[in-house]
Amino acid sequence: CTTSYRLLPKTYPKAICTQRSDLEFSVLNDHWVSVTTGSEDYSFKHMRKNQYEEALFRCEDDRFELEMILHSNKMAIDCFSKIHVHVEEANLSTPQARQAYAIPEEFLPISPICYRCVDKIYGDHGAE
C-alpha cells in the first residue's frame, strides 16, 4: 500500500475475464488500483499544501494554460497565413473578384480553435 496505489477490499466484486491465458492471469493486476494524488485531484483532502506549494501549483497551471494559448495562436497563424498567401496570389483587385472569391477546399475546414483565436484577439470584429 502506497500513496499512489490501494489494495482493493476482499469484498469488492472482481471483473470476470474469460479470455485471459495462464500467463496473463499470472502477470496482470486485479488487486491494486491507482489513486490520484497531489495536483492530479484537487479534491484530495489528506495532502496539506503550504503557501509555497500552492503558488507553485498555480504557476504550473498558468504556464500550461499559456502554452496552450500560444500553441492555439500559432496554429491559427499558420492556417490563415496559407490562406493569405493564396489571396495575395489570386490578384483580387476588383470588387467583383473579391466578392466571387471562395477559400479553396485545400484550406478547409478551418478548425474551430482558429476561429476562437481570432475571436479572442479581435473580439466583435473577428468575423470581418
Protein backbone atom coordinates (compact mmCIF):
# COMPACT_ATOMS: atom_id res chain seq x y z
CA CYS A 1 0.00 0.00 0.00
CA THR A 2 1.50 3.32 -1.11
CA THR A 3 0.13 6.84 -1.65
CA SER A 4 -0.38 6.04 -5.35
CA TYR A 5 -1.89 2.54 -5.06
CA ARG A 6 -4.50 0.97 -2.81
CA LEU A 7 -5.40 -2.66 -2.27
CA LEU A 8 -9.00 -3.42 -3.20
CA PRO A 9 -11.10 -4.85 -0.34
CA LYS A 10 -11.69 -8.60 -0.50
CA THR A 11 -15.44 -7.92 -0.71
CA TYR A 12 -15.05 -5.73 -3.81
CA PRO A 13 -16.56 -7.53 -6.85
CA LYS A 14 -13.92 -8.63 -9.31
CA ALA A 15 -14.47 -8.34 -13.05
CA ILE A 16 -14.73 -11.65 -14.87
CA CYS A 17 -12.12 -12.10 -17.60
CA THR A 18 -12.84 -15.14 -19.74
CA GLN A 19 -10.27 -14.56 -22.48
CA ARG A 20 -7.12 -14.47 -20.32
CA SER A 21 -4.38 -17.02 -20.73
CA ASP A 22 -2.48 -18.53 -17.79
CA LEU A 23 0.37 -16.12 -18.42
CA GLU A 24 -1.99 -13.13 -18.34
CA PHE A 25 -3.56 -14.36 -15.10
CA SER A 26 -0.10 -14.59 -13.56
CA VAL A 27 1.10 -11.09 -14.55
CA LEU A 28 -1.96 -8.82 -14.76
CA ASN A 29 -3.11 -6.87 -11.71
CA ASP A 30 -6.59 -7.50 -10.30
CA HIS A 31 -6.00 -6.42 -6.71
CA TRP A 32 -4.42 -2.94 -6.75
CA VAL A 33 -5.87 0.35 -8.05
CA SER A 34 -4.19 3.64 -8.83
CA VAL A 35 -5.27 6.61 -6.73
CA THR A 36 -4.84 10.26 -7.74
CA THR A 37 -2.60 12.36 -5.52
CA GLY A 38 -1.47 15.94 -5.32
CA SER A 39 -2.29 18.21 -8.23
CA GLU A 40 -3.98 15.38 -10.15
CA ASP A 41 -7.05 15.63 -7.94
CA TYR A 42 -7.84 18.91 -6.21
CA SER A 43 -10.48 17.26 -4.02
CA PHE A 44 -7.79 15.15 -2.33
CA LYS A 45 -8.09 16.32 1.30
CA HIS A 46 -5.29 14.38 3.00
CA MET A 47 -2.46 16.30 1.40
CA ARG A 48 -1.67 19.58 3.13
CA LYS A 49 -0.02 22.23 1.00
CA ASN A 50 1.72 25.32 2.27
CA GLN A 51 1.58 28.71 0.58
CA TYR A 52 4.69 27.98 -1.48
CA GLU A 53 3.33 24.72 -2.86
CA GLU A 54 0.04 26.46 -3.67
CA ALA A 55 1.95 29.18 -5.55
CA LEU A 56 3.96 26.52 -7.36
CA PHE A 57 0.79 24.65 -8.45
CA ARG A 58 -0.82 27.93 -9.60
CA CYS A 59 2.33 28.82 -11.54
CA GLU A 60 2.38 25.39 -13.18
CA ASP A 61 -1.30 25.72 -14.17
CA ASP A 62 -0.75 29.24 -15.52
CA ARG A 63 2.24 28.12 -17.57
CA PHE A 64 0.27 25.19 -19.01
CA GLU A 65 -2.62 27.50 -19.94
CA LEU A 66 -0.21 29.97 -21.55
CA GLU A 67 1.44 27.16 -23.51
CA MET A 68 -1.98 26.04 -24.80
CA ILE A 69 -2.85 29.60 -25.84
CA LEU A 70 0.48 30.03 -27.64
CA HIS A 71 0.05 26.69 -29.43
CA SER A 72 -3.51 27.59 -30.50
CA ASN A 73 -2.44 31.01 -31.77
CA LYS A 74 0.48 29.52 -33.71
CA MET A 75 -1.89 27.02 -35.31
CA ALA A 76 -4.26 29.86 -36.28
CA ILE A 77 -1.41 31.95 -37.69
CA ASP A 78 -0.18 29.02 -39.79
CA CYS A 79 -3.70 28.31 -41.08
CA PHE A 80 -4.53 31.90 -42.00
CA SER A 81 -1.05 32.62 -43.39
CA LYS A 82 -1.54 29.95 -46.04
CA ILE A 83 -4.90 31.48 -46.97
CA HIS A 84 -3.35 34.97 -47.02
CA VAL A 85 -0.63 33.85 -49.45
CA HIS A 86 -3.27 32.32 -51.73
CA VAL A 87 -5.38 35.51 -51.64
CA GLU A 88 -2.31 37.63 -52.49
CA GLU A 89 -1.51 35.38 -55.44
CA ALA A 90 -5.14 35.42 -56.67
CA ASN A 91 -4.90 39.14 -57.63
CA LEU A 92 -8.30 40.24 -56.35
CA SER A 93 -8.09 43.85 -57.50
CA THR A 94 -11.73 44.36 -58.49
CA PRO A 95 -14.70 44.31 -56.12
CA GLN A 96 -16.37 41.63 -58.26
CA ALA A 97 -13.31 39.36 -57.98
CA ARG A 98 -13.19 39.85 -54.19
CA GLN A 99 -16.90 39.08 -53.88
CA ALA A 100 -16.65 35.97 -56.05
CA TYR A 101 -13.57 34.64 -54.22
CA ALA A 102 -14.04 31.47 -52.19
CA ILE A 103 -11.48 29.79 -49.96
CA PRO A 104 -10.18 26.71 -51.82
CA GLU A 105 -11.08 23.27 -50.48
CA GLU A 106 -7.44 22.52 -49.65
CA PHE A 107 -7.63 25.07 -46.80
CA LEU A 108 -10.93 23.80 -45.44
CA PRO A 109 -12.22 23.01 -42.92
CA ILE A 110 -10.77 25.72 -40.73
CA SER A 111 -10.53 24.49 -37.16
CA PRO A 112 -12.90 25.98 -34.56
CA ILE A 113 -9.77 26.61 -32.48
CA CYS A 114 -8.55 29.02 -35.18
CA TYR A 115 -11.88 30.86 -35.13
CA ARG A 116 -11.73 31.12 -31.33
CA CYS A 117 -8.23 32.59 -31.51
CA VAL A 118 -9.45 35.24 -33.95
CA ASP A 119 -12.44 35.98 -31.69
CA LYS A 120 -10.17 36.39 -28.66
CA ILE A 121 -7.81 38.73 -30.49
CA TYR A 122 -10.31 40.84 -32.49
CA GLY A 123 -13.47 40.47 -30.40
CA ASP A 124 -16.61 41.54 -32.25
CA HIS A 125 -14.58 42.47 -35.35
CA GLY A 126 -13.23 38.92 -35.80
CA ALA A 127 -15.94 37.93 -38.27
CA GLU A 128 -14.79 40.62 -40.67
